[in-house]
Amino acid sequence: MDRITGVQLFLRIVETGSFSKAAADLGITQPTATKSVAATEQRLGARLLHRSTRGVTPTEVGALYYEKCKLIAREMDAADHLATLLQSTVGGTLRISTSVAFGRRVLVPLVLRYMRAHPEVTIDLSFDDRYVDLVAQGVDLAIRMGRLADSSLGARYLGTNPWVMVASPDYLRERGTPQTTADLPAHACLVYSSVQGDDRWSLTAPDGREVSVPVQGALRSNNLSAVLAAARAGMGLAVLPWYVAHPSVAAGAVQPVMTDHGLPAQEVHAVFPSPKFVPSKVTSFIAYLQQALDGAWWAAPGA
């Protein structure tokens, strides 16, 4: 029996005056209770209880030990209450990890809106395009794109991240507007290397066929802002997340092309260190994100 349970048992024995009643209260057998107290007395080198036909009473040392055990029990109850309170209350520091582009363009305005509604929460927001070990780095919640690998992490589906092919009006006037996947190899294509690392774009044709097209162009980059800037400058076609392209589309700097062809959409998930005992500050923020990323969230003001 561990020492904490031993303390609880000793308290119940003194309070009930009975080994059998104390054992029943803790759901153990009387012989187990007797052995536990004997082991405690052996460890302390002192008798704690008088046993008689009238019941069980503490010795002088036992009475002092009982008072100290009551203090320990109170502190244990306070610690349990604090842990439960922190787990069930929306408050404290929420440590969030996200990719650079999604974080800067989408998550920052959402976080600021959430903080205004929940002033009791402090946000620690970090940006990193590399894989982040949530447990090792003390992260409460991370936003991840694409299919999740099997793991011990907890996860909640937030929505989808659709992509769009765009080009500037100047480029399309000079090079023409592609109509089918067969037109793409003749165009300058700006490659986002973090996703399209093999220089192939996958599209779904209007008839439902899945087509993988080899593409080439003067620029490839692992930074979405760089690819967008090149597209705005008329350097070629680009396949970008709608949340990255939308402000430039709205401003007329680029326009969607081949809109009758489908592009792969990524799943967006919130992941957290464990699926068990998830703090309320995490579940609260996830619920907020699920609502914020519903529908055409990438076209919302501030996105």
Protein backbone atom coordinates (compact mmCIF):
# COMPACT_ATOMS: atom_id res chain seq x y z
CA MET A 1 0.00 0.00 0.00
CA ASP A 2 1.37 3.46 -0.88
CA ARG A 3 2.02 5.98 1.88
CA ILE A 4 -0.82 8.32 0.84
CA THR A 5 -3.37 5.51 1.14
CA GLY A 6 -1.69 4.52 4.39
CA VAL A 7 -2.28 8.03 5.76
CA GLN A 8 -5.94 7.92 4.71
CA LEU A 9 -6.34 4.51 6.32
CA PHE A 10 -4.77 5.62 9.62
CA LEU A 11 -7.08 8.63 9.78
CA ARG A 12 -10.17 6.48 9.25
CA ILE A 13 -9.03 3.95 11.87
CA VAL A 14 -8.63 6.68 14.51
CA GLU A 15 -11.91 8.40 13.51
CA THR A 16 -13.98 5.18 13.47
CA GLY A 17 -12.12 3.36 16.24
CA SER A 18 -12.21 0.25 14.11
CA PHE A 19 -9.93 -1.54 11.64
CA SER A 20 -12.88 -3.25 9.96
CA LYS A 21 -14.90 -0.03 9.44
CA ALA A 22 -11.87 1.85 8.11
CA ALA A 23 -11.00 -1.01 5.77
CA ALA A 24 -14.58 -1.08 4.44
CA ASP A 25 -14.53 2.69 3.87
CA LEU A 26 -11.40 2.35 1.73
CA GLY A 27 -12.54 -0.81 -0.05
CA ILE A 28 -9.79 -3.06 1.32
CA THR A 29 -9.76 -6.11 3.56
CA GLN A 30 -9.20 -5.93 7.32
CA PRO A 31 -5.98 -8.03 7.13
CA THR A 32 -4.62 -5.57 4.56
CA ALA A 33 -5.43 -2.66 6.89
CA THR A 34 -3.77 -4.42 9.82
CA LYS A 35 -0.62 -5.14 7.82
CA SER A 36 -0.45 -1.53 6.60
CA VAL A 37 -0.56 -0.07 10.10
CA ALA A 38 1.98 -2.62 11.33
CA ALA A 39 4.31 -1.67 8.49
CA THR A 40 3.92 2.02 9.35
CA GLU A 41 4.69 1.37 13.01
CA GLN A 42 7.71 -0.71 11.99
CA ARG A 43 8.97 2.10 9.72
CA LEU A 44 8.45 4.77 12.40
CA GLY A 45 9.74 2.61 15.26
CA ALA A 46 6.76 3.53 17.44
CA ARG A 47 3.37 2.10 18.40
CA LEU A 48 0.57 4.26 17.02
CA LEU A 49 -2.56 2.45 18.21
CA HIS A 50 -3.84 0.68 21.28
CA ARG A 51 -5.97 -2.38 20.44
CA SER A 52 -8.52 -3.59 22.99
CA THR A 53 -11.89 -5.30 23.10
CA ARG A 54 -13.51 -1.85 23.33
CA GLY A 55 -11.93 -0.69 20.07
CA VAL A 56 -8.87 1.09 18.77
CA THR A 57 -7.44 4.30 20.23
CA PRO A 58 -4.27 6.25 19.39
CA THR A 59 -1.23 6.17 21.62
CA GLU A 60 0.41 9.48 22.62
CA VAL A 61 2.65 9.24 19.55
CA GLY A 62 -0.32 8.07 17.48
CA ALA A 63 -2.36 11.15 18.49
CA LEU A 64 0.43 13.48 17.36
CA TYR A 65 0.85 11.47 14.16
CA TYR A 66 -2.92 11.71 13.58
CA GLU A 67 -2.84 15.54 13.77
CA LYS A 68 -0.02 15.69 11.22
CA CYS A 69 -1.84 13.25 8.96
CA LYS A 70 -4.93 15.49 9.08
CA LEU A 71 -2.82 18.39 7.79
CA ILE A 72 -1.48 16.18 5.01
CA ALA A 73 -5.02 15.10 4.07
CA ARG A 74 -6.19 18.73 3.94
CA GLU A 75 -3.31 19.68 1.66
CA MET A 76 -4.08 16.70 -0.57
CA ASP A 77 -7.72 17.79 -0.83
CA ALA A 78 -6.63 21.35 -1.65
CA ALA A 79 -4.26 20.08 -4.34
CA ASP A 80 -7.00 17.91 -5.86
CA HIS A 81 -9.41 20.84 -5.80
CA LEU A 82 -6.86 23.12 -7.45
CA ALA A 83 -6.13 20.58 -10.19
CA THR A 84 -9.84 20.08 -10.85
CA LEU A 85 -10.44 23.82 -10.86
CA LEU A 86 -7.63 24.50 -13.31
CA GLN A 87 -8.81 21.65 -15.53
CA SER A 88 -12.39 22.91 -15.62
CA THR A 89 -11.79 26.68 -15.76
CA VAL A 90 -11.02 28.65 -18.91
CA GLY A 91 -7.96 30.54 -17.74
CA GLY A 92 -4.18 30.51 -17.40
CA THR A 93 -1.65 30.42 -20.22
CA LEU A 94 -2.54 28.67 -23.49
CA ARG A 95 0.57 27.75 -25.51
CA ILE A 96 -0.25 27.46 -29.23
CA SER A 97 1.99 26.37 -32.11
CA THR A 98 1.18 27.02 -35.77
CA SER A 99 2.83 27.31 -39.17
CA VAL A 100 4.14 30.73 -40.20
CA ALA A 101 1.72 31.52 -43.05
CA PHE A 102 -1.45 30.17 -41.41
CA GLY A 103 -0.50 31.72 -38.10
CA ARG A 104 0.22 35.18 -39.45
CA ARG A 105 -2.68 35.38 -41.93
CA VAL A 106 -5.43 33.44 -40.14
CA LEU A 107 -4.68 32.55 -36.54
CA VAL A 108 -3.43 35.93 -35.26
CA PRO A 109 -6.72 37.80 -35.89
CA LEU A 110 -8.68 34.85 -34.47
CA VAL A 111 -6.48 34.73 -31.36
CA LEU A 112 -6.90 38.46 -30.75
CA ARG A 113 -10.67 38.11 -31.06
CA TYR A 114 -10.62 35.15 -28.63
CA MET A 115 -8.52 37.08 -26.12
CA ARG A 116 -11.00 39.96 -26.11
CA ALA A 117 -13.78 37.48 -25.28
CA HIS A 118 -11.63 35.65 -22.69
CA PRO A 119 -9.46 38.21 -20.87
CA GLU A 120 -8.60 35.60 -18.23
CA VAL A 121 -6.55 33.63 -20.80
CA THR A 122 -2.96 34.48 -21.66
CA ILE A 123 -1.77 33.32 -25.10
CA ASP A 124 1.76 32.17 -25.91
CA LEU A 125 1.77 31.89 -29.73
CA SER A 126 4.74 30.40 -31.58
CA PHE A 127 5.31 30.07 -35.35
CA ASP A 128 7.27 27.20 -36.84
CA ASP A 129 6.99 25.37 -40.16
CA ARG A 130 8.91 22.42 -38.74
CA TYR A 131 7.36 19.57 -36.76
CA VAL A 132 6.98 20.55 -33.11
CA ASP A 133 7.12 18.01 -30.28
CA LEU A 134 4.20 19.18 -28.16
CA VAL A 135 5.21 17.33 -25.00
CA ALA A 136 8.91 18.25 -25.12
CA GLN A 137 8.20 21.92 -25.83
CA GLY A 138 5.27 22.31 -23.46
CA VAL A 139 2.73 23.16 -26.18
CA ASP A 140 -0.96 22.94 -25.25
CA LEU A 141 -2.32 23.05 -28.80
CA ALA A 142 -0.95 22.95 -32.35
CA ILE A 143 -2.66 23.58 -35.69
CA ARG A 144 -1.65 21.05 -38.34
CA MET A 145 -2.53 20.75 -42.02
CA GLY A 146 -2.99 17.52 -43.94
CA ARG A 147 -3.69 13.97 -42.86
CA LEU A 148 -2.52 13.18 -39.34
CA ALA A 149 -0.14 10.34 -38.62
CA ASP A 150 -1.28 7.80 -36.04
CA SER A 151 0.00 8.88 -32.65
CA SER A 152 -0.86 9.15 -28.98
CA LEU A 153 -1.80 12.82 -29.43
CA GLY A 154 -5.36 14.05 -29.07
CA ALA A 155 -6.88 15.66 -32.16
CA ARG A 156 -9.99 17.55 -33.25
CA TYR A 157 -11.04 18.22 -36.85
CA LEU A 158 -11.39 21.96 -37.52
CA GLY A 159 -12.20 22.17 -41.23
CA THR A 160 -10.60 22.08 -44.67
CA ASN A 161 -7.95 24.24 -46.28
CA PRO A 162 -8.87 24.60 -49.99
CA TRP A 163 -6.34 25.56 -52.66
CA VAL A 164 -6.69 27.59 -55.86
CA MET A 165 -4.64 28.17 -59.01
CA VAL A 166 -4.01 31.86 -59.74
CA ALA A 167 -2.08 34.13 -62.08
CA SER A 168 -1.87 37.87 -62.63
CA PRO A 169 -3.96 39.50 -65.40
CA ASP A 170 -0.73 40.62 -67.13
CA TYR A 171 0.62 37.06 -67.24
CA LEU A 172 -2.63 35.70 -68.65
CA ARG A 173 -2.76 38.40 -71.33
CA GLU A 174 0.80 37.60 -72.38
CA ARG A 175 0.76 33.79 -72.11
CA GLY A 176 -2.91 32.95 -72.39
CA THR A 177 -5.23 31.27 -69.90
CA PRO A 178 -4.80 27.50 -69.48
CA GLN A 179 -8.00 25.56 -69.99
CA THR A 180 -6.96 21.94 -69.41
CA THR A 181 -4.18 20.05 -67.66
CA ALA A 182 -2.58 19.49 -71.08
CA ASP A 183 -1.90 23.26 -71.26
CA LEU A 184 0.08 23.43 -68.00
CA PRO A 185 3.49 22.09 -69.17
CA ALA A 186 3.74 25.05 -71.59
CA HIS A 187 3.27 27.59 -68.76
CA ALA A 188 5.65 29.04 -66.19
CA CYS A 189 4.59 27.43 -62.92
CA LEU A 190 5.66 28.71 -59.53
CA VAL A 191 6.26 25.77 -57.21
CA TYR A 192 5.59 25.78 -53.48
CA SER A 193 8.21 23.22 -52.58
CA SER A 194 6.89 22.27 -49.13
CA VAL A 195 3.87 20.57 -50.72
CA GLN A 196 4.70 20.23 -54.40
CA GLY A 197 8.27 19.07 -53.91
CA ASP A 198 8.20 16.70 -56.88
CA ASP A 199 7.20 19.50 -59.30
CA ARG A 200 3.90 17.81 -60.07
CA TRP A 201 0.48 19.35 -59.63
CA SER A 202 -2.47 17.05 -58.95
CA LEU A 203 -5.87 18.11 -60.24
CA THR A 204 -9.30 16.58 -60.68
CA ALA A 205 -10.65 17.11 -64.20
CA PRO A 206 -14.30 18.08 -64.77
CA ASP A 207 -15.05 14.48 -65.74
CA GLY A 208 -13.69 13.26 -62.38
CA ARG A 209 -10.34 11.94 -63.60
CA GLU A 210 -7.36 12.44 -61.28
CA VAL A 211 -4.48 13.96 -63.25
CA SER A 212 -0.89 14.52 -62.14
CA VAL A 213 0.92 17.08 -64.30
CA PRO A 214 4.69 17.77 -64.37
CA VAL A 215 5.32 21.52 -64.19
CA GLN A 216 8.33 23.82 -64.35
CA GLY A 217 9.10 27.47 -63.89
CA ALA A 218 11.68 30.01 -62.82
CA LEU A 219 10.86 29.98 -59.10
CA ARG A 220 10.36 27.38 -56.42
CA SER A 221 10.15 28.29 -52.74
CA ASN A 222 9.07 26.82 -49.41
CA ASN A 223 7.51 30.18 -48.53
CA LEU A 224 3.92 30.88 -49.58
CA SER A 225 4.35 34.66 -49.49
CA ALA A 226 7.27 34.41 -51.94
CA VAL A 227 5.22 32.30 -54.35
CA LEU A 228 2.31 34.73 -54.11
CA ALA A 229 4.60 37.72 -54.70
CA ALA A 230 5.97 36.07 -57.85
CA ALA A 231 2.44 35.38 -59.11
CA ARG A 232 1.43 39.00 -58.47
CA ALA A 233 4.53 40.10 -60.38
CA GLY A 234 3.37 38.18 -63.46
CA MET A 235 6.00 35.46 -63.28
CA GLY A 236 3.66 32.50 -63.69
CA LEU A 237 0.85 30.33 -62.40
CA ALA A 238 0.75 29.45 -58.72
CA VAL A 239 -1.25 26.95 -56.66
CA LEU A 240 -1.87 28.47 -53.24
CA PRO A 241 -4.14 28.02 -50.23
CA TRP A 242 -7.24 30.16 -50.64
CA TYR A 243 -6.46 31.95 -47.37
CA VAL A 244 -3.17 33.14 -48.90
CA ALA A 245 -4.56 34.03 -52.33
CA HIS A 246 -7.92 35.56 -51.35
CA PRO A 247 -6.82 39.14 -50.50
CA SER A 248 -4.89 39.37 -53.80
CA VAL A 249 -7.84 37.90 -55.70
CA ALA A 250 -10.19 40.40 -54.05
CA ALA A 251 -7.82 43.23 -55.00
CA GLY A 252 -7.55 42.04 -58.62
CA ALA A 253 -3.80 41.46 -58.40
CA VAL A 254 -4.30 37.81 -59.36
CA GLN A 255 -7.29 35.84 -60.59
CA PRO A 256 -8.34 32.19 -60.33
CA VAL A 257 -7.79 30.00 -63.38
CA MET A 258 -9.01 26.51 -64.29
CA THR A 259 -11.75 26.82 -61.69
CA ASP A 260 -13.59 23.85 -63.19
CA HIS A 261 -10.71 21.63 -62.06
CA GLY A 262 -10.45 20.50 -58.46
CA LEU A 263 -7.33 20.86 -56.33
CA PRO A 264 -6.54 18.78 -53.23
CA ALA A 265 -7.83 20.33 -50.00
CA GLN A 266 -5.98 19.74 -46.75
CA GLU A 267 -7.67 18.78 -43.51
CA VAL A 268 -7.04 21.20 -40.63
CA HIS A 269 -6.70 19.70 -37.16
CA ALA A 270 -6.03 20.92 -33.67
CA VAL A 271 -3.71 18.51 -31.89
CA PHE A 272 -2.86 18.40 -28.20
CA PRO A 273 -0.58 16.28 -25.99
CA SER A 274 -3.13 13.70 -24.82
CA PRO A 275 -6.76 12.76 -25.60
CA LYS A 276 -7.39 12.31 -21.86
CA PHE A 277 -8.07 15.05 -19.30
CA VAL A 278 -8.01 17.89 -21.82
CA PRO A 279 -7.97 21.29 -20.02
CA SER A 280 -10.96 23.57 -20.52
CA LYS A 281 -8.74 26.32 -21.95
CA VAL A 282 -7.86 23.90 -24.78
CA THR A 283 -11.40 22.64 -25.43
CA SER A 284 -12.72 26.21 -25.31
CA PHE A 285 -10.25 27.42 -27.94
CA ILE A 286 -10.89 24.37 -30.15
CA ALA A 287 -14.65 25.01 -30.06
CA TYR A 288 -13.97 28.62 -31.01
CA LEU A 289 -11.77 27.56 -33.95
CA GLN A 290 -14.32 25.01 -35.18
CA GLN A 291 -16.87 27.79 -35.44
CA ALA A 292 -14.41 30.28 -36.96
CA LEU A 293 -13.19 27.81 -39.62
CA ASP A 294 -16.64 26.70 -40.71
CA GLY A 295 -17.74 27.42 -44.27
CA ALA A 296 -15.70 29.76 -46.49
CA TRP A 297 -13.55 30.94 -43.57
CA TRP A 298 -10.70 31.92 -45.89
CA ALA A 299 -12.88 34.69 -47.37
CA ALA A 300 -13.89 36.13 -43.97
CA PRO A 301 -12.78 39.68 -43.09
CA GLY A 302 -9.29 39.61 -41.64
CA ALA A 303 -8.48 36.22 -43.13
